[in-house]
Each structure stands twice: as structure tokens, then as C-alpha cells.
Amino acid sequence: MPNSPAEPRSVGFCLDANVSYRVADAIDPSVANIIHVSRVDELSVSATGGSNASDEEIAAWCATKELVLVTCDDDFRGRNARTASLSSLGLEVIVFVAQLAGLRNQIETISQQVPAWEKQLAPMPYGPRVWIQYSRGGLRLQR
């Protein structure tokens, strides 16, 4: 039907290096499609399990796979030329306004947010957007 609403997309997430890889391991794959950047072979994983990839390489990979990058990195939030160049890749990103200190806090916070993120993002096609995740639970589109 020409005027029927689009099917909701399946939303997948990639956790940036500033979030522990253990967060992705702790979330049941039947609950969310989530991967940590250190688990992506194409992003030159180091011997210690981290990623040697630049923000631009991570952004390009996520955009190609249509994964929403989840990060605490302010570089993805700023309104500067670098963010504009990352947006030109088509990246969709969720940026926490505050660092998520401690593994337990990271697991609890992200586990609690994933269902809300999926609900909010699924009706929209993947695209170049920066979402700001506030400490008190609100996810807002950066304008």
C-alpha cells in the first residue's frame, strides 16, 4: 500500500571503546542486537582486546552495518566540523552526557535503556542523527 507506514526496523547497537566490552557480553542476544567495538575484526583489535580504530573508522563501519554507535565520547556530540564529517558518513549515534563510571553502572544503565532506544528508533529509518542520552533517562535528538 502506498500510504502504509514503514515497517519498524530492527535496531542494532555497537558499544564504543569507552564502554566495557563486558556490557555487550552481559546483555542477552535475544533481548538486543549489541556488539562491542573490540569484537569487530575489521576494526583492528589489539592484543589486549581493545580497538586501535579511529573514531572515523568506527563511525564508517557502524554506518555501513546500520548499527547505532553508543558512546560517552564528547567528540560525537559537539557541533563542530568533526561531527559534521562523521554525520556525512550517515552515522546514527547515542551519546551519554556523562561518563558511565563502573562496570555495574554501565551494565545496568545500558540494559535499562536498550528497550526504550529500540522503541524510539525502530519507526525511523537509519540515518545521520546524534541522540543525547541524559542521566535521568531521556533520549533527545540533538538539533
Protein backbone atom coordinates (compact mmCIF):
# COMPACT_ATOMS: atom_id res chain seq x y z
CA MET A 1 0.00 0.00 0.00
CA PRO A 2 1.44 3.38 -0.94
CA ASN A 3 0.41 5.21 2.25
CA SER A 4 1.01 2.43 4.75
CA PRO A 5 3.58 3.15 7.47
CA ALA A 6 7.02 1.67 7.04
CA GLU A 7 7.83 -1.50 8.91
CA PRO A 8 9.80 -0.80 12.08
CA ARG A 9 13.48 -1.51 11.56
CA SER A 10 15.49 -3.93 13.59
CA VAL A 11 17.78 -1.73 15.68
CA GLY A 12 21.32 -2.90 16.39
CA PHE A 13 23.94 -1.25 18.57
CA CYS A 14 27.72 -1.05 18.71
CA LEU A 15 29.32 -0.04 22.01
CA ASP A 16 32.30 2.27 21.69
CA ALA A 17 35.65 1.58 23.39
CA ASN A 18 34.79 3.88 26.32
CA VAL A 19 32.14 1.36 27.39
CA SER A 20 33.30 -2.00 28.71
CA TYR A 21 33.09 -4.98 26.35
CA ARG A 22 31.53 -6.81 29.30
CA VAL A 23 28.35 -4.77 28.85
CA ALA A 24 27.71 -6.37 25.44
CA ASP A 25 28.56 -9.78 26.92
CA ALA A 26 26.07 -9.22 29.77
CA ILE A 27 23.09 -8.38 27.54
CA ASP A 28 21.20 -11.40 26.29
CA PRO A 29 21.38 -11.54 22.46
CA SER A 30 17.66 -12.40 22.37
CA VAL A 31 16.98 -9.06 24.07
CA ALA A 32 19.17 -6.83 21.89
CA ASN A 33 21.45 -6.93 18.88
CA ILE A 34 24.53 -5.42 20.51
CA ILE A 35 28.26 -5.76 19.87
CA HIS A 36 31.33 -4.12 21.33
CA VAL A 37 33.80 -2.39 19.00
CA SER A 38 36.60 -4.61 20.34
CA ARG A 39 34.77 -7.66 18.95
CA VAL A 40 34.90 -6.35 15.36
CA ASP A 41 37.80 -7.91 13.47
CA GLU A 42 37.68 -5.26 10.73
CA LEU A 43 38.48 -2.58 13.31
CA SER A 44 41.99 -3.86 14.09
CA VAL A 45 41.56 -5.32 17.53
CA SER A 46 44.67 -5.02 19.69
CA ALA A 47 46.31 -7.82 21.65
CA THR A 48 44.64 -6.56 24.84
CA GLY A 49 41.16 -6.73 23.32
CA GLY A 50 40.78 -3.01 22.63
CA SER A 51 40.31 -1.39 19.27
CA ASN A 52 43.03 0.58 17.52
CA ALA A 53 40.48 2.08 15.14
CA SER A 54 39.92 5.81 14.90
CA ASP A 55 36.53 7.41 15.58
CA GLU A 56 36.14 7.85 11.82
CA GLU A 57 36.81 4.15 11.13
CA ILE A 58 34.36 3.09 13.83
CA ALA A 59 31.74 5.54 12.56
CA ALA A 60 32.12 4.34 8.96
CA TRP A 61 31.87 0.68 9.99
CA CYS A 62 28.77 1.31 12.12
CA ALA A 63 27.11 3.30 9.34
CA THR A 64 27.82 0.55 6.80
CA LYS A 65 26.27 -2.06 9.11
CA GLU A 66 23.48 0.34 10.15
CA LEU A 67 24.38 -0.05 13.81
CA VAL A 68 23.75 2.76 16.26
CA LEU A 69 27.02 3.68 17.95
CA VAL A 70 26.65 4.03 21.74
CA THR A 71 29.37 6.16 23.29
CA CYS A 72 30.38 8.52 26.08
CA ASP A 73 32.80 10.29 23.73
CA ASP A 74 32.11 14.05 23.53
CA ASP A 75 33.69 14.11 20.05
CA PHE A 76 30.46 12.65 18.70
CA ARG A 77 28.29 15.23 20.46
CA GLY A 78 29.99 18.51 19.62
CA ARG A 79 28.70 20.79 16.92
CA ASN A 80 31.98 21.02 15.10
CA ALA A 81 33.47 20.07 11.75
CA ARG A 82 34.47 16.65 13.02
CA THR A 83 30.89 15.79 13.97
CA ALA A 84 29.72 17.08 10.61
CA SER A 85 32.19 14.82 8.81
CA LEU A 86 31.04 11.84 10.88
CA SER A 87 27.43 12.73 10.06
CA SER A 88 28.32 12.72 6.37
CA LEU A 89 29.03 9.01 6.78
CA GLY A 90 25.39 8.52 7.72
CA LEU A 91 26.14 7.53 11.30
CA GLU A 92 23.44 7.32 13.92
CA VAL A 93 24.88 7.70 17.41
CA ILE A 94 23.72 7.81 21.02
CA VAL A 95 26.00 9.89 23.25
CA PHE A 96 25.74 9.81 27.02
CA VAL A 97 26.08 13.27 28.56
CA ALA A 98 28.07 11.85 31.45
CA GLN A 99 30.63 9.09 31.69
CA LEU A 100 29.25 5.80 32.92
CA ALA A 101 31.56 5.02 35.83
CA GLY A 102 31.93 1.40 36.89
CA LEU A 103 31.04 -1.84 35.17
CA ARG A 104 27.87 -2.45 37.19
CA ASN A 105 26.59 1.05 36.38
CA GLN A 106 27.36 0.59 32.68
CA ILE A 107 25.56 -2.76 32.53
CA GLU A 108 22.52 -1.54 34.48
CA THR A 109 22.21 1.76 32.61
CA ILE A 110 22.58 0.38 29.11
CA SER A 111 20.44 -2.70 29.82
CA GLN A 112 17.64 -0.46 31.07
CA GLN A 113 17.92 1.95 28.13
CA VAL A 114 18.07 -0.53 25.24
CA PRO A 115 14.30 -1.27 25.13
CA ALA A 116 13.47 2.47 25.14
CA TRP A 117 16.08 3.12 22.43
CA GLU A 118 14.65 0.35 20.27
CA LYS A 119 11.11 1.66 20.71
CA GLN A 120 12.11 5.23 19.84
CA LEU A 121 14.43 4.42 16.93
CA ALA A 122 12.66 1.48 15.26
CA PRO A 123 9.98 3.55 13.48
CA MET A 124 12.63 5.73 11.80
CA PRO A 125 14.96 4.72 9.00
CA TYR A 126 18.64 4.55 9.95
CA GLY A 127 20.20 7.92 9.30
CA PRO A 128 22.69 10.56 10.35
CA ARG A 129 21.46 11.62 13.77
CA VAL A 130 23.05 12.37 17.10
CA TRP A 131 20.95 11.37 20.08
CA ILE A 132 21.81 12.68 23.54
CA GLN A 133 21.18 10.28 26.43
CA TYR A 134 20.57 12.23 29.60
CA SER A 135 21.35 10.87 33.05
CA ARG A 136 17.70 10.91 34.08
CA GLY A 137 16.65 8.60 31.26
CA GLY A 138 15.60 10.95 28.46
CA LEU A 139 16.86 10.39 24.92
CA ARG A 140 16.72 13.57 22.84
CA LEU A 141 17.68 14.32 19.27
CA GLN A 142 20.49 16.88 19.10
CA ARG A 143 19.42 19.81 16.99
